[in-house]
Each structure stands twice: as structure tokens, then as C-alpha cells.
């Protein structure tokens, strides 16, 4: 598998400690399946459980779906669509193909 086709999800935490805003990484996981809401929720919940954080899964499903929609819309806005063929080109996907693998 090319390094350009690998997908990862990172989970961060941000909180206030006294008068400071603190941040940290809960975890990073390579994604091996289609990025469905159910799969993203599963990965996210596993990170939370690793840290002993218990959450209501119904709310996390909405969060994962919202994140997915934001990313898809953001990528689409970087591309141009051919009016005749409706094929989208350019933007983030083309830029990633130009990056040298690590």
C-alpha cells in the first residue's frame, strides 16, 4: 500500500487547568476499513475506553458523521468539476499525489 493512500485518525483532548488551556493526544490509529460513521465511532470509542473515558455512543455516532461530512465538503471545495463530464479534478487529491512518499 502506498503511503499516500494510508488514512489515520487522531484524537486530541483540550481542557482548562487553572488559567491555562492544555492539550494532549489521546491516540492515533491507522484506518484499515471504509470510513463509515460506524467504523469511525468504533475507533474513537476504543481510544476513549483506553483512557477510561465512558461516553454515550449515540452522541459519538453523530460526531463521527459530522467530522466525515466536514472533510468531504472541504475536499470537494478544492476541486473543479468539468461541466460536461461532471468529473472533479485538482485540489487536495491531486496535491497529495504530488507529495513524495516518506
PDB file of N, CA and C in Angstrom:
ATOM      1  N   UNK A   1       0.845  -1.185   0.000  1.00  0.00           N
ATOM      2  CA  UNK A   1       0.000   0.000   0.000  1.00  0.00           C
ATOM      3  C   UNK A   1       0.886   1.243   0.000  1.00  0.00           C
ATOM      4  N   UNK A   2       0.572   2.191  -0.850  1.00  0.00           N
ATOM      5  CA  UNK A   2       1.306   3.440  -0.927  1.00  0.00           C
ATOM      6  C   UNK A   2       1.077   4.249   0.348  1.00  0.00           C
ATOM      7  N   UNK A   3       2.114   4.988   0.755  1.00  0.00           N
ATOM      8  CA  UNK A   3       1.946   5.826   1.951  1.00  0.00           C
ATOM      9  C   UNK A   3       0.942   6.936   1.703  1.00  0.00           C
ATOM     10  N   UNK A   4       0.691   7.275   0.432  1.00  0.00           N
ATOM     11  CA  UNK A   4      -0.275   8.325   0.144  1.00  0.00           C
ATOM     12  C   UNK A   4      -1.706   7.849   0.301  1.00  0.00           C
ATOM     13  N   UNK A   5      -1.909   6.540   0.341  1.00  0.00           N
ATOM     14  CA  UNK A   5      -3.275   6.045   0.469  1.00  0.00           C
ATOM     15  C   UNK A   5      -3.594   5.571   1.878  1.00  0.00           C
ATOM     16  N   UNK A   6      -2.671   5.761   2.801  1.00  0.00           N
ATOM     17  CA  UNK A   6      -2.946   5.392   4.191  1.00  0.00           C
ATOM     18  C   UNK A   6      -3.764   6.487   4.848  1.00  0.00           C
ATOM     19  N   UNK A   7      -4.687   6.067   5.699  1.00  0.00           N
ATOM     20  CA  UNK A   7      -5.531   7.022   6.426  1.00  0.00           C
ATOM     21  C   UNK A   7      -5.347   6.819   7.922  1.00  0.00           C
ATOM     22  N   UNK A   8      -5.374   7.912   8.648  1.00  0.00           N
ATOM     23  CA  UNK A   8      -5.228   7.874  10.090  1.00  0.00           C
ATOM     24  C   UNK A   8      -6.296   8.756  10.724  1.00  0.00           C
ATOM     25  N   UNK A   9      -6.630   8.438  11.972  1.00  0.00           N
ATOM     26  CA  UNK A   9      -7.484   9.317  12.762  1.00  0.00           C
ATOM     27  C   UNK A   9      -6.735   9.609  14.062  1.00  0.00           C
ATOM     28  N   UNK A  10      -6.719  10.883  14.409  1.00  0.00           N
ATOM     29  CA  UNK A  10      -6.093  11.296  15.654  1.00  0.00           C
ATOM     30  C   UNK A  10      -7.152  11.867  16.584  1.00  0.00           C
ATOM     31  N   UNK A  11      -7.040  11.532  17.835  1.00  0.00           N
ATOM     32  CA  UNK A  11      -7.988  12.025  18.834  1.00  0.00           C
ATOM     33  C   UNK A  11      -7.206  12.874  19.833  1.00  0.00           C
ATOM     34  N   UNK A  12      -7.634  14.123  19.969  1.00  0.00           N
ATOM     35  CA  UNK A  12      -6.957  15.030  20.895  1.00  0.00           C
ATOM     36  C   UNK A  12      -7.920  15.447  22.000  1.00  0.00           C
ATOM     37  N   UNK A  13      -7.345  15.943  23.064  1.00  0.00           N
ATOM     38  CA  UNK A  13      -8.138  16.428  24.192  1.00  0.00           C
ATOM     39  C   UNK A  13      -7.664  17.843  24.513  1.00  0.00           C
ATOM     40  N   UNK A  14      -8.618  18.697  24.847  1.00  0.00           N
ATOM     41  CA  UNK A  14      -8.317  20.074  25.217  1.00  0.00           C
ATOM     42  C   UNK A  14      -9.114  20.386  26.483  1.00  0.00           C
ATOM     43  N   UNK A  15      -8.448  20.979  27.460  1.00  0.00           N
ATOM     44  CA  UNK A  15      -9.117  21.256  28.725  1.00  0.00           C
ATOM     45  C   UNK A  15      -8.457  22.439  29.404  1.00  0.00           C
ATOM     46  N   UNK A  16      -9.172  22.980  30.375  1.00  0.00           N
ATOM     47  CA  UNK A  16      -8.656  24.116  31.142  1.00  0.00           C
ATOM     48  C   UNK A  16      -8.139  23.604  32.475  1.00  0.00           C
ATOM     49  N   UNK A  17      -6.908  23.969  32.770  1.00  0.00           N
ATOM     50  CA  UNK A  17      -6.261  23.619  34.043  1.00  0.00           C
ATOM     51  C   UNK A  17      -5.855  24.941  34.700  1.00  0.00           C
ATOM     52  N   UNK A  18      -6.637  25.341  35.691  1.00  0.00           N
ATOM     53  CA  UNK A  18      -6.383  26.649  36.314  1.00  0.00           C
ATOM     54  C   UNK A  18      -6.700  27.747  35.325  1.00  0.00           C
ATOM     55  N   UNK A  19      -5.671  28.515  34.937  1.00  0.00           N
ATOM     56  CA  UNK A  19      -5.864  29.579  33.944  1.00  0.00           C
ATOM     57  C   UNK A  19      -5.247  29.223  32.591  1.00  0.00           C
ATOM     58  N   UNK A  20      -4.794  27.981  32.444  1.00  0.00           N
ATOM     59  CA  UNK A  20      -4.151  27.555  31.201  1.00  0.00           C
ATOM     60  C   UNK A  20      -5.043  26.617  30.394  1.00  0.00           C
ATOM     61  N   UNK A  21      -4.957  26.731  29.077  1.00  0.00           N
ATOM     62  CA  UNK A  21      -5.607  25.771  28.194  1.00  0.00           C
ATOM     63  C   UNK A  21      -4.572  24.700  27.864  1.00  0.00           C
ATOM     64  N   UNK A  22      -4.883  23.475  28.210  1.00  0.00           N
ATOM     65  CA  UNK A  22      -3.975  22.355  27.989  1.00  0.00           C
ATOM     66  C   UNK A  22      -4.489  21.494  26.828  1.00  0.00           C
ATOM     67  N   UNK A  23      -3.576  20.843  26.121  1.00  0.00           N
ATOM     68  CA  UNK A  23      -3.932  19.954  25.017  1.00  0.00           C
ATOM     69  C   UNK A  23      -3.076  18.709  25.083  1.00  0.00           C
ATOM     70  N   UNK A  24      -3.616  17.621  24.574  1.00  0.00           N
ATOM     71  CA  UNK A  24      -2.862  16.381  24.532  1.00  0.00           C
ATOM     72  C   UNK A  24      -3.426  15.444  23.484  1.00  0.00           C
ATOM     73  N   UNK A  25      -2.656  14.422  23.164  1.00  0.00           N
ATOM     74  CA  UNK A  25      -3.086  13.413  22.198  1.00  0.00           C
ATOM     75  C   UNK A  25      -3.568  12.191  22.957  1.00  0.00           C
ATOM     76  N   UNK A  26      -4.800  11.780  22.689  1.00  0.00           N
ATOM     77  CA  UNK A  26      -5.325  10.555  23.285  1.00  0.00           C
ATOM     78  C   UNK A  26      -4.836   9.355  22.492  1.00  0.00           C
ATOM     79  N   UNK A  27      -4.765   9.493  21.171  1.00  0.00           N
ATOM     80  CA  UNK A  27      -4.264   8.393  20.359  1.00  0.00           C
ATOM     81  C   UNK A  27      -4.364   8.673  18.875  1.00  0.00           C
ATOM     82  N   UNK A  28      -3.605   7.898  18.108  1.00  0.00           N
ATOM     83  CA  UNK A  28      -3.633   7.944  16.648  1.00  0.00           C
ATOM     84  C   UNK A  28      -3.738   6.514  16.161  1.00  0.00           C
ATOM     85  N   UNK A  29      -4.652   6.268  15.232  1.00  0.00           N
ATOM     86  CA  UNK A  29      -4.875   4.921  14.713  1.00  0.00           C
ATOM     87  C   UNK A  29      -4.904   4.954  13.196  1.00  0.00           C
ATOM     88  N   UNK A  30      -4.223   3.984  12.573  1.00  0.00           N
ATOM     89  CA  UNK A  30      -4.339   3.829  11.126  1.00  0.00           C
ATOM     90  C   UNK A  30      -5.681   3.172  10.823  1.00  0.00           C
ATOM     91  N   UNK A  31      -6.388   3.724   9.840  1.00  0.00           N
ATOM     92  CA  UNK A  31      -7.695   3.196   9.459  1.00  0.00           C
ATOM     93  C   UNK A  31      -7.525   2.165   8.352  1.00  0.00           C
ATOM     94  N   UNK A  32      -8.115   0.987   8.550  1.00  0.00           N
ATOM     95  CA  UNK A  32      -7.973  -0.106   7.589  1.00  0.00           C
ATOM     96  C   UNK A  32      -9.277  -0.451   6.886  1.00  0.00           C
ATOM     97  N   UNK A  33     -10.347   0.271   7.199  1.00  0.00           N
ATOM     98  CA  UNK A  33     -11.651  -0.013   6.617  1.00  0.00           C
ATOM     99  C   UNK A  33     -12.220   1.254   5.991  1.00  0.00           C
ATOM    100  N   UNK A  34     -13.339   1.098   5.302  1.00  0.00           N
ATOM    101  CA  UNK A  34     -14.055   2.246   4.758  1.00  0.00           C
ATOM    102  C   UNK A  34     -14.422   3.184   5.906  1.00  0.00           C
ATOM    103  N   UNK A  35     -14.364   4.478   5.662  1.00  0.00           N
ATOM    104  CA  UNK A  35     -14.556   5.467   6.723  1.00  0.00           C
ATOM    105  C   UNK A  35     -16.032   5.729   6.999  1.00  0.00           C
ATOM    106  N   UNK A  36     -16.738   4.690   7.352  1.00  0.00           N
ATOM    107  CA  UNK A  36     -18.151   4.837   7.700  1.00  0.00           C
ATOM    108  C   UNK A  36     -18.275   5.415   9.101  1.00  0.00           C
ATOM    109  N   UNK A  37     -19.437   5.963   9.390  1.00  0.00           N
ATOM    110  CA  UNK A  37     -19.670   6.511  10.733  1.00  0.00           C
ATOM    111  C   UNK A  37     -19.491   5.433  11.792  1.00  0.00           C
ATOM    112  N   UNK A  38     -19.998   4.226  11.514  1.00  0.00           N
ATOM    113  CA  UNK A  38     -19.888   3.143  12.499  1.00  0.00           C
ATOM    114  C   UNK A  38     -18.433   2.800  12.790  1.00  0.00           C
ATOM    115  N   UNK A  39     -17.608   2.729  11.743  1.00  0.00           N
ATOM    116  CA  UNK A  39     -16.198   2.382  11.933  1.00  0.00           C
ATOM    117  C   UNK A  39     -15.461   3.499  12.683  1.00  0.00           C
ATOM    118  N   UNK A  40     -15.704   4.758  12.298  1.00  0.00           N
ATOM    119  CA  UNK A  40     -15.034   5.869  12.980  1.00  0.00           C
ATOM    120  C   UNK A  40     -15.438   5.938  14.446  1.00  0.00           C
ATOM    121  N   UNK A  41     -16.706   5.668  14.738  1.00  0.00           N
ATOM    122  CA  UNK A  41     -17.168   5.649  16.130  1.00  0.00           C
ATOM    123  C   UNK A  41     -16.458   4.541  16.898  1.00  0.00           C
ATOM    124  N   UNK A  42     -16.339   3.368  16.281  1.00  0.00           N
ATOM    125  CA  UNK A  42     -15.663   2.245  16.944  1.00  0.00           C
ATOM    126  C   UNK A  42     -14.227   2.605  17.306  1.00  0.00           C
ATOM    127  N   UNK A  43     -13.506   3.192  16.364  1.00  0.00           N
ATOM    128  CA  UNK A  43     -12.116   3.589  16.612  1.00  0.00           C
ATOM    129  C   UNK A  43     -12.070   4.656  17.701  1.00  0.00           C
ATOM    130  N   UNK A  44     -12.956   5.636  17.607  1.00  0.00           N
ATOM    131  CA  UNK A  44     -12.994   6.725  18.584  1.00  0.00           C
ATOM    132  C   UNK A  44     -13.298   6.204  19.983  1.00  0.00           C
ATOM    133  N   UNK A  45     -14.299   5.345  20.088  1.00  0.00           N
ATOM    134  CA  UNK A  45     -14.676   4.783  21.389  1.00  0.00           C
ATOM    135  C   UNK A  45     -13.528   3.968  21.978  1.00  0.00           C
ATOM    136  N   UNK A  46     -12.824   3.209  21.139  1.00  0.00           N
ATOM    137  CA  UNK A  46     -11.677   2.435  21.634  1.00  0.00           C
ATOM    138  C   UNK A  46     -10.618   3.348  22.246  1.00  0.00           C
ATOM    139  N   UNK A  47     -10.385   4.508  21.633  1.00  0.00           N
ATOM    140  CA  UNK A  47      -9.436   5.471  22.217  1.00  0.00           C
ATOM    141  C   UNK A  47      -9.944   5.960  23.567  1.00  0.00           C
ATOM    142  N   UNK A  48     -11.219   6.292  23.631  1.00  0.00           N
ATOM    143  CA  UNK A  48     -11.779   6.779  24.896  1.00  0.00           C
ATOM    144  C   UNK A  48     -11.713   5.714  25.984  1.00  0.00           C
ATOM    145  N   UNK A  49     -12.050   4.469  25.626  1.00  0.00           N
ATOM    146  CA  UNK A  49     -12.026   3.381  26.606  1.00  0.00           C
ATOM    147  C   UNK A  49     -10.598   3.109  27.095  1.00  0.00           C
ATOM    148  N   UNK A  50      -9.615   3.241  26.184  1.00  0.00           N
ATOM    149  CA  UNK A  50      -8.212   3.067  26.589  1.00  0.00           C
ATOM    150  C   UNK A  50      -7.826   4.048  27.694  1.00  0.00           C
ATOM    151  N   UNK A  51      -8.467   5.209  27.684  1.00  0.00           N
ATOM    152  CA  UNK A  51      -8.183   6.237  28.680  1.00  0.00           C
ATOM    153  C   UNK A  51      -9.196   6.236  29.820  1.00  0.00           C
ATOM    154  N   UNK A  52     -10.100   5.254  29.829  1.00  0.00           N
ATOM    155  CA  UNK A  52     -11.095   5.165  30.890  1.00  0.00           C
ATOM    156  C   UNK A  52     -12.186   6.211  30.789  1.00  0.00           C
ATOM    157  N   UNK A  53     -12.417   6.725  29.575  1.00  0.00           N
ATOM    158  CA  UNK A  53     -13.459   7.729  29.363  1.00  0.00           C
ATOM    159  C   UNK A  53     -14.686   7.007  28.810  1.00  0.00           C
ATOM    160  N   UNK A  54     -15.806   7.091  29.508  1.00  0.00           N
ATOM    161  CA  UNK A  54     -17.032   6.420  29.086  1.00  0.00           C
ATOM    162  C   UNK A  54     -17.981   7.460  28.497  1.00  0.00           C
ATOM    163  N   UNK A  55     -18.471   7.217  27.300  1.00  0.00           N
ATOM    164  CA  UNK A  55     -19.359   8.175  26.641  1.00  0.00           C
ATOM    165  C   UNK A  55     -20.601   7.490  26.113  1.00  0.00           C
ATOM    166  N   UNK A  56     -21.632   8.272  25.884  1.00  0.00           N
ATOM    167  CA  UNK A  56     -22.867   7.780  25.275  1.00  0.00           C
ATOM    168  C   UNK A  56     -22.619   7.601  23.780  1.00  0.00           C
ATOM    169  N   UNK A  57     -22.673   6.372  23.301  1.00  0.00           N
ATOM    170  CA  UNK A  57     -22.311   6.053  21.920  1.00  0.00           C
ATOM    171  C   UNK A  57     -23.203   6.751  20.894  1.00  0.00           C
ATOM    172  N   UNK A  58     -24.434   7.013  21.219  1.00  0.00           N
ATOM    173  CA  UNK A  58     -25.347   7.655  20.269  1.00  0.00           C
ATOM    174  C   UNK A  58     -24.829   9.039  19.873  1.00  0.00           C
ATOM    175  N   UNK A  59     -24.303   9.791  20.824  1.00  0.00           N
ATOM    176  CA  UNK A  59     -23.778  11.117  20.513  1.00  0.00           C
ATOM    177  C   UNK A  59     -22.498  11.025  19.702  1.00  0.00           C
ATOM    178  N   UNK A  60     -21.690  10.005  19.948  1.00  0.00           N
ATOM    179  CA  UNK A  60     -20.449   9.853  19.202  1.00  0.00           C
ATOM    180  C   UNK A  60     -20.711   9.521  17.740  1.00  0.00           C
ATOM    181  N   UNK A  61     -21.761   8.791  17.446  1.00  0.00           N
ATOM    182  CA  UNK A  61     -22.101   8.496  16.054  1.00  0.00           C
ATOM    183  C   UNK A  61     -22.345   9.796  15.300  1.00  0.00           C
ATOM    184  N   UNK A  62     -23.065  10.699  15.890  1.00  0.00           N
ATOM    185  CA  UNK A  62     -23.326  11.980  15.244  1.00  0.00           C
ATOM    186  C   UNK A  62     -22.027  12.748  15.047  1.00  0.00           C
ATOM    187  N   UNK A  63     -21.136  12.717  16.020  1.00  0.00           N
ATOM    188  CA  UNK A  63     -19.862  13.406  15.919  1.00  0.00           C
ATOM    189  C   UNK A  63     -19.038  12.853  14.766  1.00  0.00           C
ATOM    190  N   UNK A  64     -18.921  11.539  14.670  1.00  0.00           N
ATOM    191  CA  UNK A  64     -18.128  10.930  13.609  1.00  0.00           C
ATOM    192  C   UNK A  64     -18.706  11.264  12.238  1.00  0.00           C
ATOM    193  N   UNK A  65     -20.013  11.231  12.121  1.00  0.00           N
ATOM    194  CA  UNK A  65     -20.661  11.549  10.852  1.00  0.00           C
ATOM    195  C   UNK A  65     -20.419  13.017  10.481  1.00  0.00           C
ATOM    196  N   UNK A  66     -20.515  13.892  11.449  1.00  0.00           N
ATOM    197  CA  UNK A  66     -20.280  15.310  11.199  1.00  0.00           C
ATOM    198  C   UNK A  66     -18.851  15.560  10.749  1.00  0.00           C
ATOM    199  N   UNK A  67     -17.895  14.926  11.392  1.00  0.00           N
ATOM    200  CA  UNK A  67     -16.491  15.070  11.002  1.00  0.00           C
ATOM    201  C   UNK A  67     -16.298  14.599   9.571  1.00  0.00           C
ATOM    202  N   UNK A  68     -16.873  13.454   9.236  1.00  0.00           N
ATOM    203  CA  UNK A  68     -16.757  12.924   7.882  1.00  0.00           C
ATOM    204  C   UNK A  68     -17.337  13.901   6.853  1.00  0.00           C
ATOM    205  N   UNK A  69     -18.507  14.470   7.134  1.00  0.00           N
ATOM    206  CA  UNK A  69     -19.131  15.410   6.208  1.00  0.00           C
ATOM    207  C   UNK A  69     -18.286  16.668   6.020  1.00  0.00           C
ATOM    208  N   UNK A  70     -17.708  17.161   7.095  1.00  0.00           N
ATOM    209  CA  UNK A  70     -16.862  18.358   7.013  1.00  0.00           C
ATOM    210  C   UNK A  70     -15.659  18.102   6.118  1.00  0.00           C
ATOM    211  N   UNK A  71     -15.018  16.973   6.302  1.00  0.00           N
ATOM    212  CA  UNK A  71     -13.832  16.652   5.499  1.00  0.00           C
ATOM    213  C   UNK A  71     -14.207  16.479   4.033  1.00  0.00           C
ATOM    214  N   UNK A  72     -15.282  15.747   3.748  1.00  0.00           N
ATOM    215  CA  UNK A  72     -15.711  15.553   2.365  1.00  0.00           C
ATOM    216  C   UNK A  72     -16.032  16.890   1.689  1.00  0.00           C
ATOM    217  N   UNK A  73     -16.775  17.752   2.358  1.00  0.00           N
ATOM    218  CA  UNK A  73     -17.126  19.056   1.783  1.00  0.00           C
ATOM    219  C   UNK A  73     -15.882  19.914   1.574  1.00  0.00           C
ATOM    220  N   UNK A  74     -14.941  19.869   2.507  1.00  0.00           N
ATOM    221  CA  UNK A  74     -13.718  20.656   2.387  1.00  0.00           C
ATOM    222  C   UNK A  74     -12.906  20.218   1.177  1.00  0.00           C
ATOM    223  N   UNK A  75     -12.770  18.919   0.990  1.00  0.00           N
ATOM    224  CA  UNK A  75     -12.016  18.407  -0.158  1.00  0.00           C
ATOM    225  C   UNK A  75     -12.722  18.783  -1.458  1.00  0.00           C
ATOM    226  N   UNK A  76     -14.043  18.647  -1.512  1.00  0.00           N
ATOM    227  CA  UNK A  76     -14.810  18.994  -2.725  1.00  0.00           C
ATOM    228  C   UNK A  76     -14.616  20.452  -3.118  1.00  0.00           C
ATOM    229  N   UNK A  77     -14.536  21.330  -2.111  1.00  0.00           N
ATOM    230  CA  UNK A  77     -14.401  22.760  -2.404  1.00  0.00           C
ATOM    231  C   UNK A  77     -13.051  23.101  -3.016  1.00  0.00           C
ATOM    232  N   UNK A  78     -12.074  22.199  -2.927  1.00  0.00           N
ATOM    233  CA  UNK A  78     -10.760  22.460  -3.517  1.00  0.00           C
ATOM    234  C   UNK A  78     -10.683  21.970  -4.961  1.00  0.00           C
ATOM    235  N   UNK A  79     -11.727  21.296  -5.442  1.00  0.00           N
ATOM    236  CA  UNK A  79     -11.706  20.719  -6.783  1.00  0.00           C
ATOM    237  C   UNK A  79     -12.618  21.487  -7.740  1.00  0.00           C
ATOM    238  N   UNK A  80     -12.324  21.302  -9.046  1.00  0.00           N
ATOM    239  CA  UNK A  80     -13.167  21.883 -10.079  1.00  0.00           C
ATOM    240  C   UNK A  80     -13.877  20.752 -10.806  1.00  0.00           C
ATOM    241  N   UNK A  81     -15.138  20.991 -11.181  1.00  0.00           N
ATOM    242  CA  UNK A  81     -15.917  19.974 -11.881  1.00  0.00           C
ATOM    243  C   UNK A  81     -16.057  20.342 -13.349  1.00  0.00           C
ATOM    244  N   UNK A  82     -15.755  19.374 -14.227  1.00  0.00           N
ATOM    245  CA  UNK A  82     -15.951  19.560 -15.656  1.00  0.00           C
ATOM    246  C   UNK A  82     -17.459  19.550 -15.909  1.00  0.00           C
ATOM    247  N   UNK A  83     -18.017  20.626 -16.490  1.00  0.00           N
ATOM    248  CA  UNK A  83     -19.469  20.692 -16.667  1.00  0.00           C
ATOM    249  C   UNK A  83     -20.030  19.613 -17.597  1.00  0.00           C
ATOM    250  N   UNK A  84     -19.212  19.148 -18.542  1.00  0.00           N
ATOM    251  CA  UNK A  84     -19.698  18.130 -19.478  1.00  0.00           C
ATOM    252  C   UNK A  84     -19.651  16.736 -18.884  1.00  0.00           C
ATOM    253  N   UNK A  85     -18.534  16.398 -18.231  1.00  0.00           N
ATOM    254  CA  UNK A  85     -18.354  15.023 -17.726  1.00  0.00           C
ATOM    255  C   UNK A  85     -18.732  14.875 -16.257  1.00  0.00           C
ATOM    256  N   UNK A  86     -18.849  15.999 -15.545  1.00  0.00           N
ATOM    257  CA  UNK A  86     -19.127  16.007 -14.099  1.00  0.00           C
ATOM    258  C   UNK A  86     -17.981  15.388 -13.282  1.00  0.00           C
ATOM    259  N   UNK A  87     -16.802  15.226 -13.911  1.00  0.00           N
ATOM    260  CA  UNK A  87     -15.635  14.665 -13.230  1.00  0.00           C
ATOM    261  C   UNK A  87     -14.918  15.793 -12.499  1.00  0.00           C
ATOM    262  N   UNK A  88     -14.600  15.557 -11.239  1.00  0.00           N
ATOM    263  CA  UNK A  88     -13.889  16.543 -10.435  1.00  0.00           C
ATOM    264  C   UNK A  88     -12.390  16.282 -10.524  1.00  0.00           C
ATOM    265  N   UNK A  89     -11.622  17.358 -10.681  1.00  0.00           N
ATOM    266  CA  UNK A  89     -10.164  17.242 -10.759  1.00  0.00           C
ATOM    267  C   UNK A  89      -9.529  18.356  -9.939  1.00  0.00           C
ATOM    268  N   UNK A  90      -8.224  18.172  -9.680  1.00  0.00           N
ATOM    269  CA  UNK A  90      -7.460  19.187  -8.965  1.00  0.00           C
ATOM    270  C   UNK A  90      -7.675  19.107  -7.465  1.00  0.00           C
ATOM    271  N   UNK A  91      -7.260  20.150  -6.809  1.00  0.00           N
ATOM    272  CA  UNK A  91      -7.476  20.258  -5.373  1.00  0.00           C
ATOM    273  C   UNK A  91      -6.593  19.355  -4.538  1.00  0.00           C
ATOM    274  N   UNK A  92      -7.063  19.076  -3.337  1.00  0.00           N
ATOM    275  CA  UNK A  92      -6.304  18.291  -2.359  1.00  0.00           C
ATOM    276  C   UNK A  92      -5.896  16.915  -2.895  1.00  0.00           C
ATOM    277  N   UNK A  93      -6.789  16.141  -3.545  1.00  0.00           N
ATOM    278  CA  UNK A  93      -6.368  14.819  -4.025  1.00  0.00           C
ATOM    279  C   UNK A  93      -5.178  14.891  -4.990  1.00  0.00           C
ATOM    280  N   UNK A  94      -5.179  15.856  -5.904  1.00  0.00           N
ATOM    281  CA  UNK A  94      -4.052  15.995  -6.837  1.00  0.00           C
ATOM    282  C   UNK A  94      -2.783  16.441  -6.113  1.00  0.00           C
ATOM    283  N   UNK A  95      -2.918  17.332  -5.146  1.00  0.00           N
ATOM    284  CA  UNK A  95      -1.751  17.773  -4.378  1.00  0.00           C
ATOM    285  C   UNK A  95      -1.109  16.603  -3.628  1.00  0.00           C
ATOM    286  N   UNK A  96      -1.933  15.734  -3.064  1.00  0.00           N
ATOM    287  CA  UNK A  96      -1.402  14.582  -2.332  1.00  0.00           C
ATOM    288  C   UNK A  96      -0.655  13.635  -3.251  1.00  0.00           C
ATOM    289  N   UNK A  97      -1.091  13.518  -4.502  1.00  0.00           N
ATOM    290  CA  UNK A  97      -0.398  12.655  -5.451  1.00  0.00           C
ATOM    291  C   UNK A  97       0.964  13.196  -5.842  1.00  0.00           C
ATOM    292  N   UNK A  98       1.187  14.500  -5.650  1.00  0.00           N
ATOM    293  CA  UNK A  98       2.473  15.115  -5.980  1.00  0.00           C
ATOM    294  C   UNK A  98       3.479  15.008  -4.834  1.00  0.00           C
ATOM    295  N   UNK A  99       3.041  14.654  -3.652  1.00  0.00           N
ATOM    296  CA  UNK A  99       3.920  14.567  -2.484  1.00  0.00           C
ATOM    297  C   UNK A  99       4.736  13.294  -2.557  1.00  0.00           C
ATOM    298  N   UNK A 100       6.043  13.419  -2.283  1.00  0.00           N
ATOM    299  CA  UNK A 100       6.903  12.240  -2.263  1.00  0.00           C
ATOM    300  C   UNK A 100       6.573  11.397  -1.041  1.00  0.00           C
ATOM    301  N   UNK A 101       6.521  10.055  -1.224  1.00  0.00           N
ATOM    302  CA  UNK A 101       6.291   9.183  -0.052  1.00  0.00           C
ATOM    303  C   UNK A 101       7.452   9.309   0.935  1.00  0.00           C
ATOM    304  N   UNK A 102       7.161   9.069   2.181  1.00  0.00           N
ATOM    305  CA  UNK A 102       8.194   9.153   3.231  1.00  0.00           C
ATOM    306  C   UNK A 102       9.238   8.098   3.044  1.00  0.00           C
TER     307      UNK A 102
END
